[in-house]
Amino acid sequence: MKKITIVDYGSGNILSAQKSFIKVARDNNFEADVTISKNLSDIKKSSHIVLPGQGAFNTCMDGLKKTHGLIDELYEFALIKKKPFLGICVGMQMLAKISEENGIHEGLGWIDGIIKRLPGDSLKLPHMGWNEAVPRNSTHNNLISTKNDYYFVHSYYFDCADNDNILAETKYGKNFASIVGKENIYGVQFHPEKSSSQGLNLLKEFIKV
């Protein structure tokens, strides 16, 4: 039985993410319990963790910090026990060391890199709508094998210090990392729960990790 926990810290499309994971589990005959929780005991018992994110980086980080022990428990889950972890949108960005959104703010620091603003001189921001994610060759890329369109809503991107952590790229003014990964830890800049069948397929691959 898979136990998938979507972290509830006051941010993100939590209900739509939960519904998407439930649909994927049902359609693929996975035995899975998909819950929304910030309870530390639920985190401990999980086989997979999903960290959603919507809004400003610092607001999301503050939300995580408000639940005592939550960041430490997530660290234990992902970096010590090395169980599958997926960050979505700002949930992906929080994996970085630093964000430059509205000042300089510290992230979780699990994947080396900086969150920077997309070049917006001649482009509309936020980058909103469907765009193509093109997979790169990587031993860590277990989520997508072919290029496909996904739904984005963001103005900042993950500038990885190590190119090996870039699992897929998307072009909007510049090429940026739309999927990052390091061992068991993954992050997607787009919203798979809003990305039709290809988004659901990515969630299926994550459950299989």
C-alpha atoms as a PDB file:
ATOM      1  CA  MET A   1       0.000   0.000   0.000  1.00  0.00           C
ATOM      2  CA  LYS A   2       1.356   3.400  -1.037  1.00  0.00           C
ATOM      3  CA  LYS A   3       0.768   6.178   1.468  1.00  0.00           C
ATOM      4  CA  ILE A   4       0.956   9.506  -0.357  1.00  0.00           C
ATOM      5  CA  THR A   5       0.835  12.607   1.815  1.00  0.00           C
ATOM      6  CA  ILE A   6       0.268  16.077   0.379  1.00  0.00           C
ATOM      7  CA  VAL A   7       1.722  18.572   2.838  1.00  0.00           C
ATOM      8  CA  ASP A   8      -0.839  21.057   4.139  1.00  0.00           C
ATOM      9  CA  TYR A   9       0.881  24.251   5.244  1.00  0.00           C
ATOM     10  CA  GLY A  10      -1.653  26.790   3.959  1.00  0.00           C
ATOM     11  CA  SER A  11      -0.557  27.016   0.319  1.00  0.00           C
ATOM     12  CA  GLY A  12      -1.082  25.341  -3.018  1.00  0.00           C
ATOM     13  CA  ASN A  13      -3.780  23.570  -4.976  1.00  0.00           C
ATOM     14  CA  ILE A  14      -4.048  20.869  -2.376  1.00  0.00           C
ATOM     15  CA  LEU A  15      -7.500  19.487  -3.177  1.00  0.00           C
ATOM     16  CA  SER A  16      -6.893  19.335  -6.932  1.00  0.00           C
ATOM     17  CA  ALA A  17      -3.554  17.612  -6.329  1.00  0.00           C
ATOM     18  CA  GLN A  18      -5.226  15.080  -4.047  1.00  0.00           C
ATOM     19  CA  LYS A  19      -7.969  14.373  -6.601  1.00  0.00           C
ATOM     20  CA  SER A  20      -5.355  13.887  -9.332  1.00  0.00           C
ATOM     21  CA  PHE A  21      -3.356  11.389  -7.282  1.00  0.00           C
ATOM     22  CA  ILE A  22      -6.544   9.504  -6.354  1.00  0.00           C
ATOM     23  CA  LYS A  23      -7.524   9.307 -10.033  1.00  0.00           C
ATOM     24  CA  VAL A  24      -4.067   8.077 -11.045  1.00  0.00           C
ATOM     25  CA  ALA A  25      -4.110   5.410  -8.347  1.00  0.00           C
ATOM     26  CA  ARG A  26      -7.602   4.256  -9.334  1.00  0.00           C
ATOM     27  CA  ASP A  27      -6.921   4.233 -13.085  1.00  0.00           C
ATOM     28  CA  ASN A  28      -3.684   2.262 -12.668  1.00  0.00           C
ATOM     29  CA  ASN A  29      -4.880  -0.146  -9.970  1.00  0.00           C
ATOM     30  CA  PHE A  30      -2.398   1.187  -7.432  1.00  0.00           C
ATOM     31  CA  GLU A  31      -3.242   0.478  -3.817  1.00  0.00           C
ATOM     32  CA  ALA A  32      -2.773   3.963  -2.430  1.00  0.00           C
ATOM     33  CA  ASP A  33      -4.008   6.116   0.415  1.00  0.00           C
ATOM     34  CA  VAL A  34      -3.792   9.805  -0.576  1.00  0.00           C
ATOM     35  CA  THR A  35      -4.119  12.206   2.350  1.00  0.00           C
ATOM     36  CA  ILE A  36      -3.676  15.911   3.044  1.00  0.00           C
ATOM     37  CA  SER A  37      -1.842  16.520   6.304  1.00  0.00           C
ATOM     38  CA  LYS A  38       0.798  18.425   8.226  1.00  0.00           C
ATOM     39  CA  ASN A  39       0.775  15.902  11.063  1.00  0.00           C
ATOM     40  CA  LEU A  40       4.299  14.708  11.735  1.00  0.00           C
ATOM     41  CA  SER A  41       3.170  11.141  12.370  1.00  0.00           C
ATOM     42  CA  ASP A  42       1.537  11.081   8.923  1.00  0.00           C
ATOM     43  CA  ILE A  43       4.795  12.286   7.382  1.00  0.00           C
ATOM     44  CA  LYS A  44       6.681   9.497   9.176  1.00  0.00           C
ATOM     45  CA  LYS A  45       4.322   6.821   7.841  1.00  0.00           C
ATOM     46  CA  SER A  46       4.334   8.079   4.244  1.00  0.00           C
ATOM     47  CA  SER A  47       5.857   6.294   1.273  1.00  0.00           C
ATOM     48  CA  HIS A  48       5.662   9.438  -0.919  1.00  0.00           C
ATOM     49  CA  ILE A  49       5.508  13.131  -0.007  1.00  0.00           C
ATOM     50  CA  VAL A  50       4.158  15.929  -2.224  1.00  0.00           C
ATOM     51  CA  LEU A  51       4.965  19.564  -1.396  1.00  0.00           C
ATOM     52  CA  PRO A  52       2.649  21.930  -3.299  1.00  0.00           C
ATOM     53  CA  GLY A  53       3.181  25.655  -3.526  1.00  0.00           C
ATOM     54  CA  GLN A  54       1.392  28.748  -4.723  1.00  0.00           C
ATOM     55  CA  GLY A  55       2.126  32.427  -4.150  1.00  0.00           C
ATOM     56  CA  ALA A  56       5.289  34.111  -2.904  1.00  0.00           C
ATOM     57  CA  PHE A  57       8.362  32.047  -1.992  1.00  0.00           C
ATOM     58  CA  ASN A  58       8.865  33.603   1.438  1.00  0.00           C
ATOM     59  CA  THR A  59       5.196  33.203   2.354  1.00  0.00           C
ATOM     60  CA  CYS A  60       5.416  29.496   1.526  1.00  0.00           C
ATOM     61  CA  MET A  61       8.608  29.036   3.543  1.00  0.00           C
ATOM     62  CA  ASP A  62       6.989  30.835   6.491  1.00  0.00           C
ATOM     63  CA  GLY A  63       4.033  28.459   6.197  1.00  0.00           C
ATOM     64  CA  LEU A  64       6.344  25.452   6.562  1.00  0.00           C
ATOM     65  CA  LYS A  65       8.092  27.001   9.547  1.00  0.00           C
ATOM     66  CA  LYS A  66       4.834  27.615  11.411  1.00  0.00           C
ATOM     67  CA  THR A  67       4.335  23.901  12.051  1.00  0.00           C
ATOM     68  CA  HIS A  68       6.966  23.007  14.645  1.00  0.00           C
ATOM     69  CA  GLY A  69       9.176  20.156  13.490  1.00  0.00           C
ATOM     70  CA  LEU A  70       7.685  19.925   9.993  1.00  0.00           C
ATOM     71  CA  ILE A  71      10.834  20.925   8.086  1.00  0.00           C
ATOM     72  CA  ASP A  72      12.938  18.570  10.211  1.00  0.00           C
ATOM     73  CA  GLU A  73      10.525  15.701   9.533  1.00  0.00           C
ATOM     74  CA  LEU A  74      10.542  16.411   5.793  1.00  0.00           C
ATOM     75  CA  TYR A  75      14.351  16.482   5.882  1.00  0.00           C
ATOM     76  CA  GLU A  76      14.394  13.100   7.641  1.00  0.00           C
ATOM     77  CA  PHE A  77      11.982  11.685   5.059  1.00  0.00           C
ATOM     78  CA  ALA A  78      13.756  12.963   1.943  1.00  0.00           C
ATOM     79  CA  LEU A  79      17.452  13.219   2.817  1.00  0.00           C
ATOM     80  CA  ILE A  80      17.951  10.573   5.496  1.00  0.00           C
ATOM     81  CA  LYS A  81      15.408   7.898   4.568  1.00  0.00           C
ATOM     82  CA  LYS A  82      15.620   8.906   0.883  1.00  0.00           C
ATOM     83  CA  LYS A  83      11.967   8.281   0.113  1.00  0.00           C
ATOM     84  CA  PRO A  84      10.268   9.788  -2.990  1.00  0.00           C
ATOM     85  CA  PHE A  85       9.580  13.516  -2.638  1.00  0.00           C
ATOM     86  CA  LEU A  86       7.910  15.807  -5.193  1.00  0.00           C
ATOM     87  CA  GLY A  87       7.736  19.610  -5.081  1.00  0.00           C
ATOM     88  CA  ILE A  88       5.197  21.359  -7.319  1.00  0.00           C
ATOM     89  CA  CYS A  89       5.584  24.988  -8.540  1.00  0.00           C
ATOM     90  CA  VAL A  90       6.768  27.003  -5.501  1.00  0.00           C
ATOM     91  CA  GLY A  91       7.113  23.632  -3.770  1.00  0.00           C
ATOM     92  CA  MET A  92       9.831  22.943  -6.322  1.00  0.00           C
ATOM     93  CA  GLN A  93      11.429  26.359  -5.815  1.00  0.00           C
ATOM     94  CA  MET A  94      11.673  25.839  -2.062  1.00  0.00           C
ATOM     95  CA  LEU A  95      14.108  22.990  -2.733  1.00  0.00           C
ATOM     96  CA  ALA A  96      16.688  25.633  -3.710  1.00  0.00           C
ATOM     97  CA  LYS A  97      19.169  27.301  -1.367  1.00  0.00           C
ATOM     98  CA  ILE A  98      18.074  30.881  -2.007  1.00  0.00           C
ATOM     99  CA  SER A  99      15.274  32.821  -3.698  1.00  0.00           C
ATOM    100  CA  GLU A 100      15.615  36.345  -5.052  1.00  0.00           C
ATOM    101  CA  GLU A 101      11.850  36.914  -5.063  1.00  0.00           C
ATOM    102  CA  ASN A 102      11.029  40.126  -3.137  1.00  0.00           C
ATOM    103  CA  GLY A 103      14.448  40.154  -1.464  1.00  0.00           C
ATOM    104  CA  ILE A 104      16.828  37.348  -0.503  1.00  0.00           C
ATOM    105  CA  HIS A 105      15.244  34.398   1.274  1.00  0.00           C
ATOM    106  CA  GLU A 106      16.598  31.012   2.334  1.00  0.00           C
ATOM    107  CA  GLY A 107      15.001  27.841   0.991  1.00  0.00           C
ATOM    108  CA  LEU A 108      15.355  24.242   2.107  1.00  0.00           C
ATOM    109  CA  GLY A 109      18.684  23.943   0.276  1.00  0.00           C
ATOM    110  CA  TRP A 110      18.214  20.326  -0.793  1.00  0.00           C
ATOM    111  CA  ILE A 111      19.203  21.041  -4.409  1.00  0.00           C
ATOM    112  CA  ASP A 112      21.906  23.642  -4.991  1.00  0.00           C
ATOM    113  CA  GLY A 113      20.614  26.646  -6.905  1.00  0.00           C
ATOM    114  CA  ILE A 114      19.003  30.079  -6.818  1.00  0.00           C
ATOM    115  CA  ILE A 115      15.457  31.112  -7.684  1.00  0.00           C
ATOM    116  CA  LYS A 116      15.670  34.013 -10.146  1.00  0.00           C
ATOM    117  CA  ARG A 117      13.154  36.170 -11.999  1.00  0.00           C
ATOM    118  CA  LEU A 118      12.447  35.309 -15.619  1.00  0.00           C
ATOM    119  CA  PRO A 119      13.638  37.985 -18.048  1.00  0.00           C
ATOM    120  CA  GLY A 120      10.505  40.067 -18.546  1.00  0.00           C
ATOM    121  CA  ASP A 121      11.601  43.021 -20.674  1.00  0.00           C
ATOM    122  CA  SER A 122       9.858  41.710 -23.788  1.00  0.00           C
ATOM    123  CA  LEU A 123       7.788  38.884 -22.268  1.00  0.00           C
ATOM    124  CA  LYS A 124       4.546  38.830 -20.383  1.00  0.00           C
ATOM    125  CA  LEU A 125       4.899  37.783 -16.758  1.00  0.00           C
ATOM    126  CA  PRO A 126       3.794  35.616 -15.165  1.00  0.00           C
ATOM    127  CA  HIS A 127       4.612  32.899 -17.673  1.00  0.00           C
ATOM    128  CA  MET A 128       1.110  31.460 -17.845  1.00  0.00           C
ATOM    129  CA  GLY A 129      -0.325  28.681 -19.994  1.00  0.00           C
ATOM    130  CA  TRP A 130       0.848  25.601 -21.843  1.00  0.00           C
ATOM    131  CA  ASN A 131       4.487  25.119 -22.759  1.00  0.00           C
ATOM    132  CA  GLU A 132       6.762  22.268 -23.692  1.00  0.00           C
ATOM    133  CA  ALA A 133       9.049  20.466 -21.264  1.00  0.00           C
ATOM    134  CA  VAL A 134      11.922  18.720 -23.018  1.00  0.00           C
ATOM    135  CA  PRO A 135      13.655  15.956 -21.022  1.00  0.00           C
ATOM    136  CA  ARG A 136      17.431  15.985 -20.676  1.00  0.00           C
ATOM    137  CA  ASN A 137      19.607  12.938 -20.371  1.00  0.00           C
ATOM    138  CA  SER A 138      19.952  12.188 -16.688  1.00  0.00           C
ATOM    139  CA  THR A 139      20.261   9.111 -14.518  1.00  0.00           C
ATOM    140  CA  HIS A 140      17.740  10.728 -12.147  1.00  0.00           C
ATOM    141  CA  ASN A 141      15.001  11.338 -14.722  1.00  0.00           C
ATOM    142  CA  ASN A 142      12.277   8.853 -13.871  1.00  0.00           C
ATOM    143  CA  LEU A 143       9.338  11.190 -14.482  1.00  0.00           C
ATOM    144  CA  ILE A 144       9.205  11.898 -18.228  1.00  0.00           C
ATOM    145  CA  SER A 145      10.810  10.223 -21.228  1.00  0.00           C
ATOM    146  CA  THR A 146       9.433  12.349 -24.087  1.00  0.00           C
ATOM    147  CA  LYS A 147       8.745  16.046 -24.550  1.00  0.00           C
ATOM    148  CA  ASN A 148       5.219  17.186 -23.803  1.00  0.00           C
ATOM    149  CA  ASP A 149       3.141  20.240 -22.914  1.00  0.00           C
ATOM    150  CA  TYR A 150       2.331  21.169 -19.326  1.00  0.00           C
ATOM    151  CA  TYR A 151       0.542  24.050 -17.638  1.00  0.00           C
ATOM    152  CA  PHE A 152       2.709  26.795 -16.085  1.00  0.00           C
ATOM    153  CA  VAL A 153       1.982  29.808 -13.867  1.00  0.00           C
ATOM    154  CA  HIS A 154       5.158  31.480 -12.565  1.00  0.00           C
ATOM    155  CA  SER A 155       7.503  34.452 -12.830  1.00  0.00           C
ATOM    156  CA  TYR A 156      10.596  32.877 -11.263  1.00  0.00           C
ATOM    157  CA  TYR A 157      12.711  29.896 -12.251  1.00  0.00           C
ATOM    158  CA  PHE A 158      15.202  27.483 -10.663  1.00  0.00           C
ATOM    159  CA  ASP A 159      18.784  28.287 -11.722  1.00  0.00           C
ATOM    160  CA  CYS A 160      20.545  25.014 -10.852  1.00  0.00           C
ATOM    161  CA  ALA A 161      24.196  25.120  -9.796  1.00  0.00           C
ATOM    162  CA  ASP A 162      24.701  21.610 -11.212  1.00  0.00           C
ATOM    163  CA  ASN A 163      23.325  20.859 -14.680  1.00  0.00           C
ATOM    164  CA  ASP A 164      22.960  17.204 -13.679  1.00  0.00           C
ATOM    165  CA  ASN A 165      20.028  18.305 -11.519  1.00  0.00           C
ATOM    166  CA  ILE A 166      18.129  19.601 -14.577  1.00  0.00           C
ATOM    167  CA  LEU A 167      15.827  16.795 -15.729  1.00  0.00           C
ATOM    168  CA  ALA A 168      13.834  18.833 -18.261  1.00  0.00           C
ATOM    169  CA  GLU A 169      13.938  22.298 -19.773  1.00  0.00           C
ATOM    170  CA  THR A 170      11.354  24.742 -21.079  1.00  0.00           C
ATOM    171  CA  LYS A 171      11.873  27.881 -23.148  1.00  0.00           C
ATOM    172  CA  TYR A 172      10.221  31.159 -22.238  1.00  0.00           C
ATOM    173  CA  GLY A 173      12.589  33.984 -23.089  1.00  0.00           C
ATOM    174  CA  LYS A 174      15.385  31.653 -21.965  1.00  0.00           C
ATOM    175  CA  ASN A 175      15.769  27.956 -21.359  1.00  0.00           C
ATOM    176  CA  PHE A 176      14.995  27.191 -17.723  1.00  0.00           C
ATOM    177  CA  ALA A 177      14.717  24.053 -15.620  1.00  0.00           C
ATOM    178  CA  SER A 178      11.104  22.888 -15.639  1.00  0.00           C
ATOM    179  CA  ILE A 179      11.922  19.632 -13.822  1.00  0.00           C
ATOM    180  CA  VAL A 180      14.745  19.272 -11.311  1.00  0.00           C
ATOM    181  CA  GLY A 181      15.903  16.186  -9.475  1.00  0.00           C
ATOM    182  CA  LYS A 182      18.501  14.782  -7.149  1.00  0.00           C
ATOM    183  CA  GLU A 183      18.350  11.095  -6.257  1.00  0.00           C
ATOM    184  CA  ASN A 184      14.866  10.599  -4.735  1.00  0.00           C
ATOM    185  CA  ILE A 185      13.936  14.297  -4.734  1.00  0.00           C
ATOM    186  CA  TYR A 186      12.018  15.819  -7.661  1.00  0.00           C
ATOM    187  CA  GLY A 187      10.538  19.194  -8.459  1.00  0.00           C
ATOM    188  CA  VAL A 188       8.325  20.391 -11.303  1.00  0.00           C
ATOM    189  CA  GLN A 189       7.796  24.062 -12.125  1.00  0.00           C
ATOM    190  CA  PHE A 190       4.471  23.398 -13.843  1.00  0.00           C
ATOM    191  CA  HIS A 191       1.229  22.050 -12.397  1.00  0.00           C
ATOM    192  CA  PRO A 192       0.801  18.362 -13.300  1.00  0.00           C
ATOM    193  CA  GLU A 193      -2.649  18.385 -11.686  1.00  0.00           C
ATOM    194  CA  LYS A 194      -3.713  20.943 -14.327  1.00  0.00           C
ATOM    195  CA  SER A 195      -1.846  19.345 -17.243  1.00  0.00           C
ATOM    196  CA  SER A 196      -4.349  16.838 -18.623  1.00  0.00           C
ATOM    197  CA  SER A 197      -3.310  13.221 -19.288  1.00  0.00           C
ATOM    198  CA  GLN A 198       0.414  13.982 -19.545  1.00  0.00           C
ATOM    199  CA  GLY A 199       0.359  15.549 -16.086  1.00  0.00           C
ATOM    200  CA  LEU A 200      -1.421  12.524 -14.668  1.00  0.00           C
ATOM    201  CA  ASN A 201       1.124  10.277 -16.351  1.00  0.00           C
ATOM    202  CA  LEU A 202       3.945  12.161 -14.624  1.00  0.00           C
ATOM    203  CA  LEU A 203       2.212  11.624 -11.271  1.00  0.00           C
ATOM    204  CA  LYS A 204       1.902   7.925 -12.134  1.00  0.00           C
ATOM    205  CA  GLU A 205       5.653   7.721 -12.751  1.00  0.00           C
ATOM    206  CA  PHE A 206       6.307   9.451  -9.437  1.00  0.00           C
ATOM    207  CA  ILE A 207       4.154   6.921  -7.571  1.00  0.00           C
ATOM    208  CA  LYS A 208       6.131   4.133  -9.243  1.00  0.00           C
ATOM    209  CA  VAL A 209       9.503   5.519  -8.084  1.00  0.00           C
END
